[in-house]
Protein backbone atom coordinates (compact mmCIF):
# COMPACT_ATOMS: atom_id res chain seq x y z
CA UNK A 1 23.89 25.96 -32.18
CA UNK A 2 25.66 23.08 -30.19
CA UNK A 3 23.89 24.21 -26.91
CA UNK A 4 20.40 23.52 -28.56
CA UNK A 5 21.63 20.20 -29.85
CA UNK A 6 23.03 19.32 -26.26
CA UNK A 7 19.95 20.35 -24.62
CA UNK A 8 17.88 18.37 -27.32
CA UNK A 9 20.11 15.37 -27.01
CA UNK A 10 19.56 15.54 -23.03
CA UNK A 11 15.74 16.62 -23.13
CA UNK A 12 14.22 14.03 -25.52
CA UNK A 13 15.48 10.82 -24.07
CA UNK A 14 14.02 12.27 -20.72
CA UNK A 15 10.87 12.89 -22.05
CA UNK A 16 10.74 9.32 -23.90
CA UNK A 17 11.46 7.40 -20.70
CA UNK A 18 8.83 9.45 -18.74
CA UNK A 19 6.23 8.59 -21.78
CA UNK A 20 6.90 4.84 -21.50
CA UNK A 21 6.78 4.16 -17.30
CA UNK A 22 3.33 3.35 -16.16
CA UNK A 23 1.35 5.89 -14.77
CA UNK A 24 1.58 5.80 -10.79
CA UNK A 25 4.86 3.84 -11.30
CA UNK A 26 6.56 5.93 -8.30
CA UNK A 27 2.99 5.92 -5.82
CA UNK A 28 2.16 3.28 -3.68
CA UNK A 29 -0.42 1.02 -3.83
CA UNK A 30 -3.04 1.12 -1.13
CA UNK A 31 -4.57 -2.30 0.38
CA UNK A 32 -8.34 -2.88 0.29
CA UNK A 33 -10.48 -2.79 3.58
CA UNK A 34 -13.46 -4.67 3.84
CA UNK A 35 -15.28 -0.64 5.25
CA UNK A 36 -14.14 0.65 1.91
CA UNK A 37 -17.54 2.02 -0.36
CA UNK A 38 -16.63 -0.17 -3.48
CA UNK A 39 -15.71 -3.14 -1.34
CA UNK A 40 -19.09 -3.04 0.40
CA UNK A 41 -20.86 -2.67 -2.69
CA UNK A 42 -19.13 -5.63 -4.23
CA UNK A 43 -19.27 -7.76 -1.24
CA UNK A 44 -15.60 -7.76 -0.84
CA UNK A 45 -14.49 -10.16 1.87
CA UNK A 46 -10.71 -10.28 3.50
CA UNK A 47 -11.49 -14.23 3.38
CA UNK A 48 -13.62 -16.16 1.00
CA UNK A 49 -15.18 -18.41 3.85
CA UNK A 50 -16.65 -14.95 4.94
CA UNK A 51 -18.95 -14.37 1.95
CA UNK A 52 -22.40 -14.05 2.29
CA UNK A 53 -23.49 -17.17 1.31
CA UNK A 54 -27.55 -16.17 0.93
CA UNK A 55 -26.75 -13.01 -0.96
CA UNK A 56 -24.36 -14.57 -3.34
CA UNK A 57 -25.68 -18.00 -3.68
CA UNK A 58 -23.10 -19.02 -6.87
CA UNK A 59 -20.07 -18.51 -4.56
CA UNK A 60 -18.17 -21.36 -3.41
CA UNK A 61 -14.61 -21.58 -1.37
CA UNK A 62 -12.67 -22.55 -4.59
CA UNK A 63 -13.24 -18.82 -5.42
CA UNK A 64 -10.44 -16.52 -3.95
CA UNK A 65 -8.60 -13.59 -5.47
CA UNK A 66 -5.77 -15.72 -6.08
CA UNK A 67 -7.68 -17.91 -8.75
CA UNK A 68 -9.25 -14.42 -10.35
CA UNK A 69 -8.60 -12.61 -13.67
CA UNK A 70 -8.20 -9.78 -11.69
CA UNK A 71 -5.51 -10.57 -9.52
CA UNK A 72 -2.43 -9.45 -11.43
CA UNK A 73 0.05 -11.48 -9.96
CA UNK A 74 -1.02 -15.23 -9.51
CA UNK A 75 0.79 -17.11 -7.13
CA UNK A 76 1.88 -14.22 -4.53
CA UNK A 77 0.04 -13.61 -1.19
CA UNK A 78 -1.28 -10.28 -1.96
CA UNK A 79 -1.28 -8.13 -5.39
CA UNK A 80 -3.35 -5.43 -6.91
CA UNK A 81 -6.82 -6.24 -8.26
CA UNK A 82 -7.84 -4.24 -11.45
CA UNK A 83 -11.13 -3.98 -10.24
CA UNK A 84 -10.78 -1.80 -7.03
CA UNK A 85 -7.28 -0.62 -8.02
CA UNK A 86 -5.47 -1.68 -4.27
CA UNK A 87 -3.76 -4.28 -3.04
CA UNK A 88 -6.12 -7.63 -1.80
CA UNK A 89 -5.11 -10.77 -0.45
CA UNK A 90 -5.05 -13.99 -2.04
CA UNK A 91 -7.30 -15.85 0.18
CA UNK A 92 -10.13 -12.96 -0.33
CA UNK A 93 -13.47 -12.81 -2.59
CA UNK A 94 -15.77 -10.19 -4.13
CA UNK A 95 -18.74 -10.53 -6.45
CA UNK A 96 -16.67 -9.60 -9.31
CA UNK A 97 -14.57 -12.81 -9.39
CA UNK A 98 -14.04 -14.10 -12.79
CA UNK A 99 -12.19 -17.53 -12.95
CA UNK A 100 -8.77 -17.39 -14.78
CA UNK A 101 -8.47 -19.12 -18.09
């Protein structure tokens, strides 16, 4: 009986820790490139000034990843984007830009 209790007291905390950790906590997140298929579809550019004004007439240079709602670490030079689930630079831009409140 003691062995069973020892097992339970060891395994239950480990199972709880695995359930609490975010998915992919140990995986490295890739950087987004302009050649990525989804990046092309969303008009992504590494620099906001390179965005196609004819195709995206509402784009302004004040719109960039660092000010976007989907940029997960405002203030940093690069962070994960919720739309692409990849690392993007602060100065990038895509058509999915949503102004951070």
